[in-house]
Amino acid sequence: MDVIGYKWHPVIIDRLLKHESLRFNELSREIGGAITNKVLSSSLEDLEEKDLAERTVVNDKPVEVEYSLTERGRSLAPVIESLETWAANNFQPAESKAESIVDHEG
């Protein structure tokens, strides 16, 4: 549970599954800016320590790195897909909920 129990780990893994590899700022944008750079950096380091993600230096000057999933990280694809399916089946967007409430009250 340490892997998916942290708030941002499933989101980061999901984005890396969809894009294969991303640079730090690209990953931050993919998440929609909802995560601070400090938390993203810490989460990526934790995923690296767990051998789920890897950091590759692309350029030395200026330093550019890309993050991707290891084979072990990619093996989480069915788990992430199951979570997405469950969420889609059990949660409605706020607009749909409001419409549903109006329909039931009407």
Foldseek 3Di string as FASTA:
>chain_A
DVQPPDPCNLVLLVVQLVVQKDWLVRSCVSVPVPDDSVVSVVSLVVCVVVQQKDWDFPDVVVTTIMMHGDPVNNVCVVVSVVVVVVCVVPDDPPVVVVVVVVVVVD
